């Protein structure tokens, strides 16, 4: 990793933070959940579509963060 990419990662790190994402089963909500997880945040997913939310949770599993799911 280059010095610049390490600097950027440090600035945008969400390690140890918690995020709640509504509409996490698809679209913008899903993209936000993935972005937060990539940055190291634990993510609580909320959606009316349990199948879509489960797919998002599966994608987040590889990032080593805690993922909670809540159907509306």
Protein backbone atom coordinates (compact mmCIF):
# COMPACT_ATOMS: atom_id res chain seq x y z
CA UNK A 1 0.00 0.00 0.00
CA UNK A 2 1.33 3.44 -0.86
CA UNK A 3 1.81 6.20 1.67
CA UNK A 4 -1.01 8.19 0.06
CA UNK A 5 -3.50 5.31 0.19
CA UNK A 6 -2.59 4.64 3.85
CA UNK A 7 -3.22 8.30 4.62
CA UNK A 8 -6.60 8.27 2.87
CA UNK A 9 -7.60 5.03 4.61
CA UNK A 10 -6.69 6.51 8.00
CA UNK A 11 -8.72 9.67 7.38
CA UNK A 12 -11.83 7.81 6.26
CA UNK A 13 -11.63 4.89 8.66
CA UNK A 14 -14.86 4.07 10.51
CA UNK A 15 -13.27 1.29 12.53
CA UNK A 16 -15.07 0.90 15.85
CA UNK A 17 -18.04 3.01 14.72
CA UNK A 18 -21.63 1.84 14.31
CA UNK A 19 -23.94 2.73 11.40
CA UNK A 20 -27.66 2.23 10.85
CA UNK A 21 -28.66 1.93 7.20
CA UNK A 22 -32.30 2.01 6.14
CA UNK A 23 -33.30 0.60 2.77
CA UNK A 24 -30.26 -1.67 2.96
CA UNK A 25 -31.75 -4.40 0.76
CA UNK A 26 -31.03 -2.67 -2.54
CA UNK A 27 -29.94 0.47 -4.34
CA UNK A 28 -28.38 3.36 -2.48
CA UNK A 29 -28.95 1.83 0.96
CA UNK A 30 -27.14 -1.34 -0.05
CA UNK A 31 -24.26 0.68 -1.51
CA UNK A 32 -23.99 2.76 1.69
CA UNK A 33 -23.94 -0.38 3.85
CA UNK A 34 -21.12 -1.85 1.74
CA UNK A 35 -19.15 1.40 1.86
CA UNK A 36 -19.47 1.69 5.64
CA UNK A 37 -18.40 -1.95 6.11
CA UNK A 38 -15.39 -1.47 3.81
CA UNK A 39 -14.39 1.47 6.00
CA UNK A 40 -14.57 -0.80 9.09
CA UNK A 41 -17.92 0.18 10.63
CA UNK A 42 -20.36 -2.24 12.22
CA UNK A 43 -23.63 -2.00 10.31
CA UNK A 44 -27.27 -2.39 11.35
CA UNK A 45 -29.42 -3.10 8.30
CA UNK A 46 -33.09 -2.09 8.14
CA UNK A 47 -35.42 -2.87 5.24
CA UNK A 48 -38.92 -4.07 4.39
CA UNK A 49 -37.46 -6.72 2.07
CA UNK A 50 -35.91 -9.48 4.19
CA UNK A 51 -34.51 -11.32 1.15
CA UNK A 52 -32.69 -8.23 -0.15
CA UNK A 53 -31.43 -7.42 3.32
CA UNK A 54 -30.07 -10.95 3.71
CA UNK A 55 -28.19 -10.63 0.41
CA UNK A 56 -26.62 -7.41 1.65
CA UNK A 57 -25.68 -9.08 4.94
CA UNK A 58 -23.99 -11.91 3.03
CA UNK A 59 -21.93 -9.38 1.09
CA UNK A 60 -20.87 -7.65 4.32
CA UNK A 61 -19.76 -10.91 5.95
CA UNK A 62 -16.37 -10.76 4.25
CA UNK A 63 -15.41 -7.45 5.84
CA UNK A 64 -15.08 -8.77 9.40
CA UNK A 65 -17.61 -6.35 10.90
CA UNK A 66 -20.72 -6.99 12.99
CA UNK A 67 -23.93 -6.98 10.97
CA UNK A 68 -27.42 -6.80 12.50
CA UNK A 69 -30.66 -7.11 10.52
CA UNK A 70 -34.11 -5.72 11.32
CA UNK A 71 -37.14 -6.08 9.09
CA UNK A 72 -39.58 -3.16 9.14
